[in-house]
Amino acid sequence: MSKPTVNIENWSVVDGVMSPAFRDLEPGWRLTGTIFGHAELPNGIIYTSAIVRVDAANGLVETHNTIYRLGQASNEYARWDWERWAARTA
């Protein structure tokens, strides 16, 4: 059975619901954001299951049951990511 592909906007990568610290976009962490177009879930905010694969070149993130097409990251997550990048390159 193929996995549904769902759009996610205003997303970030976090530990989970109970510990929403930002993390790198890589397997083992979870996405949170606003989803659109899921056949079985209403549009709205979601915390995903753990990420199993990231296709950064195509903006896709796969979890156990779903493939998420990344839209815009949340402003807070984008700022966190940029600050970490700037600190590494300074």
N, C-alpha and C. Protein backbone atom coordinates (compact mmCIF):
# COMPACT_ATOMS: atom_id res chain seq x y z
N MET A 1 0.84 -1.19 0.00
CA MET A 1 0.00 0.00 0.00
C MET A 1 0.88 1.25 0.00
N SER A 2 0.61 2.19 -0.88
CA SER A 2 1.40 3.41 -0.94
C SER A 2 0.96 4.39 0.15
N LYS A 3 1.87 5.25 0.52
CA LYS A 3 1.59 6.23 1.56
C LYS A 3 1.01 7.48 0.93
N PRO A 4 0.06 8.12 1.62
CA PRO A 4 -0.47 9.39 1.10
C PRO A 4 0.60 10.48 1.20
N THR A 5 0.54 11.43 0.28
CA THR A 5 1.41 12.60 0.32
C THR A 5 0.56 13.79 0.72
N VAL A 6 1.01 14.50 1.75
CA VAL A 6 0.24 15.58 2.36
C VAL A 6 1.11 16.83 2.43
N ASN A 7 0.53 17.97 2.19
CA ASN A 7 1.24 19.25 2.32
C ASN A 7 1.30 19.67 3.78
N ILE A 8 2.47 20.18 4.20
CA ILE A 8 2.60 20.71 5.56
C ILE A 8 3.24 22.09 5.48
N GLU A 9 2.62 23.05 6.13
CA GLU A 9 3.08 24.44 6.17
C GLU A 9 3.35 24.84 7.61
N ASN A 10 4.09 25.92 7.75
CA ASN A 10 4.40 26.46 9.08
C ASN A 10 4.97 25.36 9.98
N TRP A 11 5.87 24.57 9.39
CA TRP A 11 6.37 23.38 10.07
C TRP A 11 7.66 23.65 10.83
N SER A 12 7.93 22.75 11.75
CA SER A 12 9.20 22.72 12.47
C SER A 12 9.50 21.27 12.83
N VAL A 13 10.72 21.01 13.24
CA VAL A 13 11.13 19.68 13.64
C VAL A 13 11.36 19.72 15.15
N VAL A 14 10.71 18.81 15.86
CA VAL A 14 10.74 18.83 17.33
C VAL A 14 10.99 17.43 17.88
N ASP A 15 11.30 17.40 19.20
CA ASP A 15 11.43 16.12 19.91
C ASP A 15 10.10 15.38 19.90
N GLY A 16 9.04 16.09 20.24
CA GLY A 16 7.71 15.50 20.33
C GLY A 16 6.76 16.46 21.02
N VAL A 17 5.57 16.00 21.29
CA VAL A 17 4.53 16.85 21.89
C VAL A 17 4.95 17.32 23.28
N MET A 18 5.52 16.44 24.08
CA MET A 18 5.87 16.77 25.46
C MET A 18 7.18 17.56 25.58
N SER A 19 8.01 17.52 24.57
CA SER A 19 9.28 18.23 24.60
C SER A 19 9.50 18.86 23.22
N PRO A 20 8.89 20.01 23.00
CA PRO A 20 8.92 20.60 21.66
C PRO A 20 10.18 21.40 21.31
N ALA A 21 11.34 20.97 21.79
CA ALA A 21 12.59 21.64 21.42
C ALA A 21 12.88 21.41 19.94
N PHE A 22 13.39 22.44 19.26
CA PHE A 22 13.70 22.30 17.84
C PHE A 22 14.87 21.34 17.63
N ARG A 23 14.81 20.63 16.51
CA ARG A 23 15.84 19.66 16.13
C ARG A 23 16.13 19.79 14.65
N ASP A 24 17.24 19.19 14.21
CA ASP A 24 17.58 19.15 12.78
C ASP A 24 16.58 18.28 12.02
N LEU A 25 16.41 18.58 10.75
CA LEU A 25 15.52 17.80 9.90
C LEU A 25 16.22 16.49 9.53
N GLU A 26 15.99 15.47 10.35
CA GLU A 26 16.62 14.17 10.13
C GLU A 26 15.79 13.08 10.80
N PRO A 27 16.02 11.83 10.40
CA PRO A 27 15.25 10.72 10.96
C PRO A 27 15.33 10.67 12.49
N GLY A 28 14.22 10.23 13.07
CA GLY A 28 14.11 10.07 14.51
C GLY A 28 13.32 11.16 15.19
N TRP A 29 13.30 12.36 14.61
CA TRP A 29 12.55 13.47 15.19
C TRP A 29 11.14 13.51 14.59
N ARG A 30 10.36 14.50 14.93
CA ARG A 30 8.97 14.61 14.46
C ARG A 30 8.72 15.98 13.85
N LEU A 31 7.81 16.00 12.89
CA LEU A 31 7.35 17.27 12.33
C LEU A 31 6.13 17.74 13.10
N THR A 32 5.98 19.03 13.20
CA THR A 32 4.73 19.62 13.63
C THR A 32 4.45 20.77 12.67
N GLY A 33 3.19 21.02 12.42
CA GLY A 33 2.82 22.08 11.50
C GLY A 33 1.36 21.94 11.11
N THR A 34 0.96 22.67 10.09
CA THR A 34 -0.41 22.65 9.61
C THR A 34 -0.48 21.84 8.33
N ILE A 35 -1.28 20.77 8.35
CA ILE A 35 -1.40 19.91 7.18
C ILE A 35 -2.62 20.27 6.35
N PHE A 36 -2.50 19.96 5.05
CA PHE A 36 -3.58 20.19 4.10
C PHE A 36 -3.65 19.00 3.15
N GLY A 37 -4.83 18.51 2.90
CA GLY A 37 -5.03 17.51 1.87
C GLY A 37 -4.89 16.07 2.28
N HIS A 38 -4.97 15.78 3.58
CA HIS A 38 -4.92 14.38 4.04
C HIS A 38 -6.30 13.77 3.86
N ALA A 39 -6.37 12.58 3.28
CA ALA A 39 -7.65 11.94 3.00
C ALA A 39 -8.41 11.55 4.27
N GLU A 40 -7.68 11.29 5.37
CA GLU A 40 -8.34 10.79 6.57
C GLU A 40 -8.32 11.75 7.75
N LEU A 41 -7.55 12.83 7.65
CA LEU A 41 -7.46 13.80 8.74
C LEU A 41 -7.91 15.17 8.25
N PRO A 42 -8.55 15.94 9.13
CA PRO A 42 -8.94 17.29 8.72
C PRO A 42 -7.71 18.19 8.62
N ASN A 43 -7.81 19.23 7.82
CA ASN A 43 -6.75 20.22 7.77
C ASN A 43 -6.57 20.80 9.17
N GLY A 44 -5.32 20.96 9.59
CA GLY A 44 -5.07 21.51 10.91
C GLY A 44 -3.70 21.15 11.42
N ILE A 45 -3.45 21.47 12.68
CA ILE A 45 -2.14 21.27 13.29
C ILE A 45 -1.95 19.80 13.65
N ILE A 46 -0.73 19.32 13.43
CA ILE A 46 -0.42 17.91 13.65
C ILE A 46 0.99 17.77 14.23
N TYR A 47 1.18 16.72 15.01
CA TYR A 47 2.51 16.21 15.38
C TYR A 47 2.60 14.86 14.71
N THR A 48 3.62 14.64 13.91
CA THR A 48 3.73 13.39 13.16
C THR A 48 4.38 12.30 14.00
N SER A 49 4.34 11.09 13.47
CA SER A 49 5.17 10.03 14.04
C SER A 49 6.62 10.34 13.66
N ALA A 50 7.53 9.52 14.12
CA ALA A 50 8.96 9.79 13.88
C ALA A 50 9.29 9.79 12.39
N ILE A 51 10.18 10.68 12.00
CA ILE A 51 10.67 10.75 10.63
C ILE A 51 11.52 9.52 10.35
N VAL A 52 11.27 8.89 9.19
CA VAL A 52 12.08 7.73 8.80
C VAL A 52 13.02 8.04 7.63
N ARG A 53 12.68 9.08 6.83
CA ARG A 53 13.52 9.42 5.68
C ARG A 53 13.28 10.87 5.30
N VAL A 54 14.36 11.54 4.91
CA VAL A 54 14.28 12.93 4.46
C VAL A 54 14.86 13.01 3.05
N ASP A 55 14.08 13.58 2.13
CA ASP A 55 14.54 13.86 0.77
C ASP A 55 14.56 15.38 0.64
N ALA A 56 15.65 15.99 1.14
CA ALA A 56 15.74 17.45 1.18
C ALA A 56 15.71 18.07 -0.21
N ALA A 57 16.29 17.41 -1.19
CA ALA A 57 16.34 17.95 -2.55
C ALA A 57 14.94 18.15 -3.12
N ASN A 58 14.01 17.28 -2.75
CA ASN A 58 12.64 17.37 -3.24
C ASN A 58 11.66 17.89 -2.20
N GLY A 59 12.14 18.25 -1.02
CA GLY A 59 11.28 18.80 0.03
C GLY A 59 10.28 17.79 0.55
N LEU A 60 10.70 16.53 0.69
CA LEU A 60 9.79 15.48 1.17
C LEU A 60 10.33 14.86 2.45
N VAL A 61 9.42 14.58 3.37
CA VAL A 61 9.76 13.92 4.63
C VAL A 61 8.80 12.75 4.80
N GLU A 62 9.36 11.57 5.03
CA GLU A 62 8.55 10.37 5.18
C GLU A 62 8.50 9.94 6.64
N THR A 63 7.29 9.62 7.11
CA THR A 63 7.10 9.02 8.42
C THR A 63 6.56 7.61 8.20
N HIS A 64 6.17 6.94 9.26
CA HIS A 64 5.70 5.56 9.15
C HIS A 64 4.53 5.41 8.17
N ASN A 65 3.59 6.35 8.19
CA ASN A 65 2.38 6.21 7.39
C ASN A 65 2.19 7.24 6.29
N THR A 66 2.99 8.30 6.29
CA THR A 66 2.70 9.44 5.42
C THR A 66 3.98 10.05 4.86
N ILE A 67 3.87 10.65 3.68
CA ILE A 67 4.94 11.47 3.11
C ILE A 67 4.46 12.91 3.15
N TYR A 68 5.27 13.78 3.72
CA TYR A 68 4.91 15.19 3.85
C TYR A 68 5.71 16.01 2.85
N ARG A 69 5.00 16.85 2.11
CA ARG A 69 5.62 17.80 1.17
C ARG A 69 5.79 19.11 1.93
N LEU A 70 7.04 19.49 2.16
CA LEU A 70 7.33 20.66 2.98
C LEU A 70 7.01 21.96 2.25
N GLY A 71 6.24 22.80 2.90
CA GLY A 71 6.02 24.16 2.45
C GLY A 71 6.97 25.06 3.22
N GLN A 72 6.50 26.20 3.67
CA GLN A 72 7.33 27.13 4.44
C GLN A 72 7.50 26.63 5.87
N ALA A 73 8.73 26.72 6.37
CA ALA A 73 8.98 26.43 7.79
C ALA A 73 8.38 27.56 8.63
N SER A 74 8.13 27.28 9.90
CA SER A 74 7.65 28.34 10.79
C SER A 74 8.74 29.39 10.92
N ASN A 75 8.34 30.62 11.20
CA ASN A 75 9.31 31.70 11.37
C ASN A 75 10.30 31.38 12.49
N GLU A 76 9.79 30.83 13.59
CA GLU A 76 10.64 30.51 14.73
C GLU A 76 11.67 29.44 14.38
N TYR A 77 11.23 28.40 13.65
CA TYR A 77 12.16 27.33 13.27
C TYR A 77 13.19 27.85 12.26
N ALA A 78 12.75 28.64 11.30
CA ALA A 78 13.68 29.20 10.31
C ALA A 78 14.73 30.08 11.00
N ARG A 79 14.32 30.87 11.97
CA ARG A 79 15.25 31.72 12.71
C ARG A 79 16.23 30.86 13.51
N TRP A 80 15.74 29.83 14.19
CA TRP A 80 16.60 28.91 14.95
C TRP A 80 17.63 28.26 14.03
N ASP A 81 17.19 27.79 12.88
CA ASP A 81 18.07 27.12 11.93
C ASP A 81 19.12 28.09 11.39
N TRP A 82 18.69 29.31 11.05
CA TRP A 82 19.62 30.31 10.52
C TRP A 82 20.65 30.70 11.56
N GLU A 83 20.24 30.90 12.81
CA GLU A 83 21.17 31.28 13.87
C GLU A 83 22.22 30.19 14.10
N ARG A 84 21.81 28.95 14.03
CA ARG A 84 22.78 27.84 14.18
C ARG A 84 23.74 27.82 13.01
N TRP A 85 23.23 28.02 11.80
CA TRP A 85 24.10 28.07 10.61
C TRP A 85 25.08 29.22 10.73
N ALA A 86 24.61 30.40 11.12
CA ALA A 86 25.48 31.57 11.24
C ALA A 86 26.56 31.36 12.28
N ALA A 87 26.23 30.72 13.38
CA ALA A 87 27.22 30.46 14.44
C ALA A 87 28.31 29.50 13.95
N ARG A 88 27.93 28.54 13.11
CA ARG A 88 28.91 27.56 12.60
C ARG A 88 29.84 28.18 11.55
N THR A 89 29.35 29.19 10.83
CA THR A 89 30.15 29.76 9.75
C THR A 89 30.89 31.03 10.16
N ALA A 90 30.67 31.47 11.39
CA ALA A 90 31.32 32.71 11.87
C ALA A 90 32.78 32.48 12.20
